[in-house]
Amino acid sequence: MGGIGEIIWDEHLFLEPKQVSPKDAEDAKIEIRLMDKGMFKDALIGQFDLDLTFVYLKPDHVLLHKWIALNNPNGDDYATIQAYVKVSVAVACTGDEQVQITEDDGPEDT
């Protein structure tokens, strides 16, 4: 259950790009953006970039149930945290065993 000011978006996204060169994979990033959806224009609340290589070098190639701070690079103060998001990310290459991302059992920091 979400608390005051808390929104839970419990979705799994699976991306399987084809024919990606090793160099492109090493340079790739996952951009997580939180947007305020407007009638005519969307406004960026905050974002965070994750390097695929950073995730791949973690044990089992997984970043599991980690809180990340979102900030707005277009805002007046880039250092100001706009929101927190808990994410899990798994990165697998050809021949890697797929790791199942488990459900988060609670609000505690992991």
N, C-alpha and C. Protein backbone atom coordinates (compact mmCIF):
# COMPACT_ATOMS: atom_id res chain seq x y z
N MET A 1 0.84 -1.18 0.00
CA MET A 1 0.00 0.00 0.00
C MET A 1 0.88 1.24 0.00
N GLY A 2 0.51 2.21 -0.80
CA GLY A 2 1.26 3.46 -0.86
C GLY A 2 0.85 4.40 0.26
N GLY A 3 1.80 5.19 0.75
CA GLY A 3 1.53 6.17 1.77
C GLY A 3 1.25 7.52 1.14
N ILE A 4 1.23 8.55 1.95
CA ILE A 4 0.98 9.90 1.46
C ILE A 4 2.11 10.29 0.51
N GLY A 5 1.74 10.77 -0.66
CA GLY A 5 2.72 11.20 -1.64
C GLY A 5 3.46 10.06 -2.32
N GLU A 6 3.04 8.84 -2.10
CA GLU A 6 3.72 7.69 -2.69
C GLU A 6 2.86 7.10 -3.79
N ILE A 7 3.48 6.85 -4.92
CA ILE A 7 2.79 6.22 -6.04
C ILE A 7 3.52 4.93 -6.35
N ILE A 8 2.78 3.87 -6.53
CA ILE A 8 3.41 2.59 -6.87
C ILE A 8 3.04 2.24 -8.30
N TRP A 9 4.06 2.11 -9.12
CA TRP A 9 3.89 1.69 -10.51
C TRP A 9 4.64 0.38 -10.62
N ASP A 10 3.93 -0.71 -10.53
CA ASP A 10 4.53 -2.04 -10.42
C ASP A 10 4.49 -2.73 -11.78
N GLU A 11 5.42 -2.36 -12.64
CA GLU A 11 5.47 -2.90 -13.99
C GLU A 11 6.85 -3.50 -14.28
N HIS A 12 6.86 -4.48 -15.12
CA HIS A 12 8.11 -5.06 -15.61
C HIS A 12 8.19 -4.76 -17.10
N LEU A 13 9.31 -4.21 -17.51
CA LEU A 13 9.55 -3.94 -18.93
C LEU A 13 10.70 -4.82 -19.38
N PHE A 14 10.52 -5.47 -20.50
CA PHE A 14 11.56 -6.32 -21.06
C PHE A 14 11.95 -5.77 -22.42
N LEU A 15 13.22 -5.43 -22.58
CA LEU A 15 13.74 -4.91 -23.83
C LEU A 15 14.77 -5.89 -24.36
N GLU A 16 14.62 -6.26 -25.62
CA GLU A 16 15.56 -7.19 -26.22
C GLU A 16 16.05 -6.63 -27.54
N PRO A 17 17.00 -5.67 -27.49
CA PRO A 17 17.53 -5.13 -28.74
C PRO A 17 18.29 -6.19 -29.50
N LYS A 18 18.19 -6.15 -30.79
CA LYS A 18 18.85 -7.12 -31.66
C LYS A 18 20.05 -6.47 -32.35
N GLN A 19 21.06 -7.26 -32.62
CA GLN A 19 22.23 -6.86 -33.38
C GLN A 19 22.88 -5.59 -32.82
N VAL A 20 23.18 -5.61 -31.52
CA VAL A 20 23.86 -4.50 -30.86
C VAL A 20 25.34 -4.83 -30.78
N SER A 21 26.17 -3.92 -31.22
CA SER A 21 27.62 -4.15 -31.17
C SER A 21 28.08 -4.08 -29.71
N PRO A 22 29.17 -4.77 -29.38
CA PRO A 22 29.69 -4.70 -28.00
C PRO A 22 29.99 -3.26 -27.57
N LYS A 23 30.51 -2.44 -28.46
CA LYS A 23 30.82 -1.04 -28.13
C LYS A 23 29.55 -0.27 -27.79
N ASP A 24 28.48 -0.46 -28.59
CA ASP A 24 27.21 0.22 -28.33
C ASP A 24 26.61 -0.25 -27.01
N ALA A 25 26.74 -1.54 -26.71
CA ALA A 25 26.22 -2.07 -25.44
C ALA A 25 26.99 -1.48 -24.26
N GLU A 26 28.30 -1.36 -24.38
CA GLU A 26 29.12 -0.80 -23.31
C GLU A 26 28.81 0.67 -23.06
N ASP A 27 28.42 1.39 -24.10
CA ASP A 27 28.12 2.82 -23.99
C ASP A 27 26.66 3.10 -23.65
N ALA A 28 25.82 2.07 -23.65
CA ALA A 28 24.38 2.26 -23.49
C ALA A 28 24.01 2.67 -22.07
N LYS A 29 22.93 3.43 -21.98
CA LYS A 29 22.41 3.89 -20.70
C LYS A 29 20.91 3.64 -20.64
N ILE A 30 20.43 3.46 -19.43
CA ILE A 30 18.99 3.41 -19.17
C ILE A 30 18.66 4.75 -18.53
N GLU A 31 17.75 5.47 -19.15
CA GLU A 31 17.33 6.77 -18.60
C GLU A 31 15.96 6.61 -17.97
N ILE A 32 15.89 6.89 -16.68
CA ILE A 32 14.62 6.82 -15.95
C ILE A 32 14.15 8.26 -15.76
N ARG A 33 12.97 8.55 -16.29
CA ARG A 33 12.44 9.92 -16.22
C ARG A 33 11.05 9.92 -15.59
N LEU A 34 10.83 10.88 -14.71
CA LEU A 34 9.53 11.09 -14.11
C LEU A 34 8.99 12.39 -14.69
N MET A 35 7.83 12.28 -15.35
CA MET A 35 7.26 13.43 -16.06
C MET A 35 5.92 13.82 -15.44
N ASP A 36 5.65 15.13 -15.45
CA ASP A 36 4.34 15.65 -15.10
C ASP A 36 3.59 15.79 -16.42
N LYS A 37 2.62 14.93 -16.63
CA LYS A 37 1.89 14.88 -17.90
C LYS A 37 0.95 16.07 -17.98
N GLY A 38 1.16 16.93 -18.97
CA GLY A 38 0.31 18.10 -19.16
C GLY A 38 -0.58 17.93 -20.38
N MET A 39 -1.54 18.81 -20.52
CA MET A 39 -2.47 18.76 -21.65
C MET A 39 -1.72 18.98 -22.96
N PHE A 40 -0.86 19.98 -23.01
CA PHE A 40 -0.16 20.30 -24.26
C PHE A 40 1.34 20.05 -24.19
N LYS A 41 1.89 20.02 -22.98
CA LYS A 41 3.32 19.85 -22.84
C LYS A 41 3.61 19.09 -21.55
N ASP A 42 4.54 18.15 -21.61
CA ASP A 42 4.97 17.40 -20.43
C ASP A 42 6.14 18.15 -19.78
N ALA A 43 6.19 18.12 -18.45
CA ALA A 43 7.27 18.77 -17.72
C ALA A 43 8.09 17.71 -17.00
N LEU A 44 9.40 17.79 -17.13
CA LEU A 44 10.31 16.88 -16.46
C LEU A 44 10.35 17.20 -14.96
N ILE A 45 10.06 16.20 -14.13
CA ILE A 45 10.19 16.36 -12.68
C ILE A 45 11.61 15.98 -12.28
N GLY A 46 12.06 14.80 -12.75
CA GLY A 46 13.41 14.36 -12.42
C GLY A 46 13.82 13.18 -13.27
N GLN A 47 15.12 12.91 -13.29
CA GLN A 47 15.63 11.78 -14.07
C GLN A 47 16.89 11.23 -13.43
N PHE A 48 17.24 10.00 -13.88
CA PHE A 48 18.46 9.33 -13.42
C PHE A 48 18.94 8.45 -14.56
N ASP A 49 20.23 8.45 -14.82
CA ASP A 49 20.81 7.61 -15.88
C ASP A 49 21.62 6.48 -15.24
N LEU A 50 21.42 5.28 -15.75
CA LEU A 50 22.16 4.09 -15.31
C LEU A 50 22.95 3.54 -16.49
N ASP A 51 24.23 3.29 -16.29
CA ASP A 51 25.03 2.65 -17.33
C ASP A 51 24.73 1.15 -17.33
N LEU A 52 24.53 0.58 -18.50
CA LEU A 52 24.30 -0.87 -18.58
C LEU A 52 25.50 -1.63 -18.02
N THR A 53 26.70 -1.13 -18.28
CA THR A 53 27.91 -1.80 -17.78
C THR A 53 27.92 -1.83 -16.26
N PHE A 54 27.50 -0.75 -15.60
CA PHE A 54 27.43 -0.71 -14.13
C PHE A 54 26.55 -1.83 -13.61
N VAL A 55 25.38 -2.02 -14.22
CA VAL A 55 24.46 -3.07 -13.79
C VAL A 55 25.05 -4.44 -14.12
N TYR A 56 25.62 -4.58 -15.30
CA TYR A 56 26.14 -5.88 -15.72
C TYR A 56 27.28 -6.36 -14.82
N LEU A 57 28.04 -5.44 -14.25
CA LEU A 57 29.17 -5.83 -13.40
C LEU A 57 28.75 -6.15 -11.96
N LYS A 58 27.46 -5.97 -11.63
CA LYS A 58 26.94 -6.35 -10.32
C LYS A 58 26.80 -7.87 -10.25
N PRO A 59 26.79 -8.44 -9.03
CA PRO A 59 26.56 -9.89 -8.91
C PRO A 59 25.27 -10.30 -9.61
N ASP A 60 25.34 -11.35 -10.39
CA ASP A 60 24.22 -11.87 -11.18
C ASP A 60 23.68 -10.86 -12.20
N HIS A 61 24.42 -9.78 -12.44
CA HIS A 61 24.04 -8.74 -13.43
C HIS A 61 22.71 -8.08 -13.05
N VAL A 62 22.47 -7.90 -11.74
CA VAL A 62 21.19 -7.37 -11.27
C VAL A 62 21.41 -6.25 -10.25
N LEU A 63 20.65 -5.20 -10.40
CA LEU A 63 20.51 -4.15 -9.40
C LEU A 63 19.11 -4.35 -8.84
N LEU A 64 19.00 -4.81 -7.60
CA LEU A 64 17.72 -5.28 -7.07
C LEU A 64 17.19 -4.39 -5.96
N HIS A 65 15.99 -3.84 -6.16
CA HIS A 65 15.26 -3.06 -5.15
C HIS A 65 16.12 -1.93 -4.57
N LYS A 66 16.67 -1.09 -5.44
CA LYS A 66 17.52 0.01 -4.99
C LYS A 66 16.80 1.34 -5.18
N TRP A 67 16.90 2.19 -4.16
CA TRP A 67 16.34 3.54 -4.23
C TRP A 67 17.31 4.42 -4.99
N ILE A 68 16.78 5.16 -5.95
CA ILE A 68 17.60 6.14 -6.67
C ILE A 68 16.95 7.51 -6.53
N ALA A 69 17.77 8.53 -6.50
CA ALA A 69 17.29 9.90 -6.39
C ALA A 69 17.20 10.51 -7.77
N LEU A 70 16.07 11.13 -8.06
CA LEU A 70 15.86 11.80 -9.33
C LEU A 70 16.08 13.30 -9.15
N ASN A 71 16.84 13.90 -10.05
CA ASN A 71 16.98 15.35 -10.04
C ASN A 71 16.71 15.87 -11.43
N ASN A 72 16.50 17.17 -11.54
CA ASN A 72 16.13 17.77 -12.81
C ASN A 72 17.32 18.53 -13.39
N PRO A 73 17.93 18.00 -14.46
CA PRO A 73 19.09 18.68 -15.05
C PRO A 73 18.72 20.01 -15.69
N ASN A 74 17.44 20.24 -15.95
CA ASN A 74 17.00 21.50 -16.55
C ASN A 74 16.54 22.51 -15.50
N GLY A 75 16.53 22.09 -14.23
CA GLY A 75 16.04 22.95 -13.16
C GLY A 75 17.07 23.98 -12.71
N ASP A 76 16.66 24.81 -11.77
CA ASP A 76 17.53 25.86 -11.25
C ASP A 76 18.70 25.29 -10.45
N ASP A 77 18.46 24.20 -9.72
CA ASP A 77 19.50 23.59 -8.90
C ASP A 77 19.54 22.10 -9.18
N TYR A 78 20.50 21.69 -9.99
CA TYR A 78 20.60 20.30 -10.41
C TYR A 78 20.77 19.36 -9.21
N ALA A 79 21.36 19.84 -8.13
CA ALA A 79 21.63 19.00 -6.97
C ALA A 79 20.39 18.72 -6.13
N THR A 80 19.31 19.45 -6.35
CA THR A 80 18.10 19.26 -5.56
C THR A 80 17.40 17.97 -5.98
N ILE A 81 17.15 17.11 -5.00
CA ILE A 81 16.46 15.85 -5.28
C ILE A 81 14.97 16.14 -5.41
N GLN A 82 14.38 15.71 -6.53
CA GLN A 82 12.98 15.95 -6.82
C GLN A 82 12.08 14.80 -6.38
N ALA A 83 12.63 13.57 -6.41
CA ALA A 83 11.84 12.39 -6.07
C ALA A 83 12.78 11.21 -5.88
N TYR A 84 12.26 10.15 -5.27
CA TYR A 84 12.98 8.88 -5.14
C TYR A 84 12.16 7.80 -5.84
N VAL A 85 12.87 6.87 -6.45
CA VAL A 85 12.22 5.75 -7.14
C VAL A 85 12.99 4.49 -6.78
N LYS A 86 12.26 3.43 -6.44
CA LYS A 86 12.89 2.15 -6.17
C LYS A 86 12.82 1.33 -7.46
N VAL A 87 13.98 0.86 -7.92
CA VAL A 87 14.04 0.13 -9.19
C VAL A 87 14.78 -1.19 -9.03
N SER A 88 14.50 -2.08 -9.95
CA SER A 88 15.27 -3.31 -10.14
C SER A 88 15.57 -3.40 -11.62
N VAL A 89 16.83 -3.70 -11.95
CA VAL A 89 17.25 -3.80 -13.34
C VAL A 89 18.14 -5.02 -13.49
N ALA A 90 17.89 -5.80 -14.52
CA ALA A 90 18.75 -6.95 -14.86
C ALA A 90 19.23 -6.77 -16.29
N VAL A 91 20.50 -7.05 -16.52
CA VAL A 91 21.09 -6.95 -17.86
C VAL A 91 21.70 -8.31 -18.19
N ALA A 92 21.33 -8.86 -19.31
CA ALA A 92 21.86 -10.17 -19.72
C ALA A 92 22.33 -10.11 -21.16
N CYS A 93 23.42 -10.80 -21.42
CA CYS A 93 23.95 -10.92 -22.77
C CYS A 93 23.67 -12.33 -23.29
N THR A 94 23.92 -12.55 -24.54
CA THR A 94 23.75 -13.87 -25.12
C THR A 94 24.59 -14.87 -24.33
N GLY A 95 23.97 -15.95 -23.89
CA GLY A 95 24.65 -16.98 -23.13
C GLY A 95 24.54 -16.82 -21.63
N ASP A 96 24.09 -15.65 -21.16
CA ASP A 96 23.90 -15.44 -19.73
C ASP A 96 22.60 -16.09 -19.28
N GLU A 97 22.61 -16.58 -18.06
CA GLU A 97 21.37 -17.12 -17.48
C GLU A 97 20.49 -15.95 -17.04
N GLN A 98 19.22 -16.01 -17.40
CA GLN A 98 18.29 -14.95 -17.00
C GLN A 98 18.05 -15.03 -15.50
N VAL A 99 18.09 -13.90 -14.83
CA VAL A 99 17.83 -13.83 -13.40
C VAL A 99 16.41 -13.32 -13.20
N GLN A 100 15.65 -14.01 -12.39
CA GLN A 100 14.28 -13.59 -12.10
C GLN A 100 14.31 -12.45 -11.10
N ILE A 101 13.68 -11.34 -11.43
CA ILE A 101 13.56 -10.23 -10.49
C ILE A 101 12.38 -10.53 -9.59
N THR A 102 12.66 -10.60 -8.29
CA THR A 102 11.62 -10.96 -7.33
C THR A 102 10.83 -9.73 -6.89
N GLU A 103 9.67 -9.96 -6.36
CA GLU A 103 8.85 -8.88 -5.82
C GLU A 103 9.52 -8.31 -4.58
N ASP A 104 9.31 -7.05 -4.34
CA ASP A 104 9.83 -6.39 -3.15
C ASP A 104 8.84 -6.63 -2.02
N ASP A 105 9.33 -7.18 -0.90
CA ASP A 105 8.45 -7.57 0.20
C ASP A 105 8.10 -6.46 1.16
N GLY A 106 8.78 -5.32 1.07
CA GLY A 106 8.47 -4.28 2.03
C GLY A 106 9.16 -2.98 1.75
N PRO A 107 8.88 -1.99 2.58
CA PRO A 107 9.42 -0.66 2.36
C PRO A 107 10.84 -0.44 2.86
N GLU A 108 11.42 -1.44 3.53
CA GLU A 108 12.74 -1.27 4.10
C GLU A 108 13.77 -1.04 3.00
N ASP A 109 14.85 -0.35 3.36
CA ASP A 109 15.94 -0.10 2.42
C ASP A 109 16.70 -1.38 2.21
N THR A 110 16.99 -1.69 0.94
CA THR A 110 17.78 -2.88 0.63
C THR A 110 18.94 -2.51 -0.24
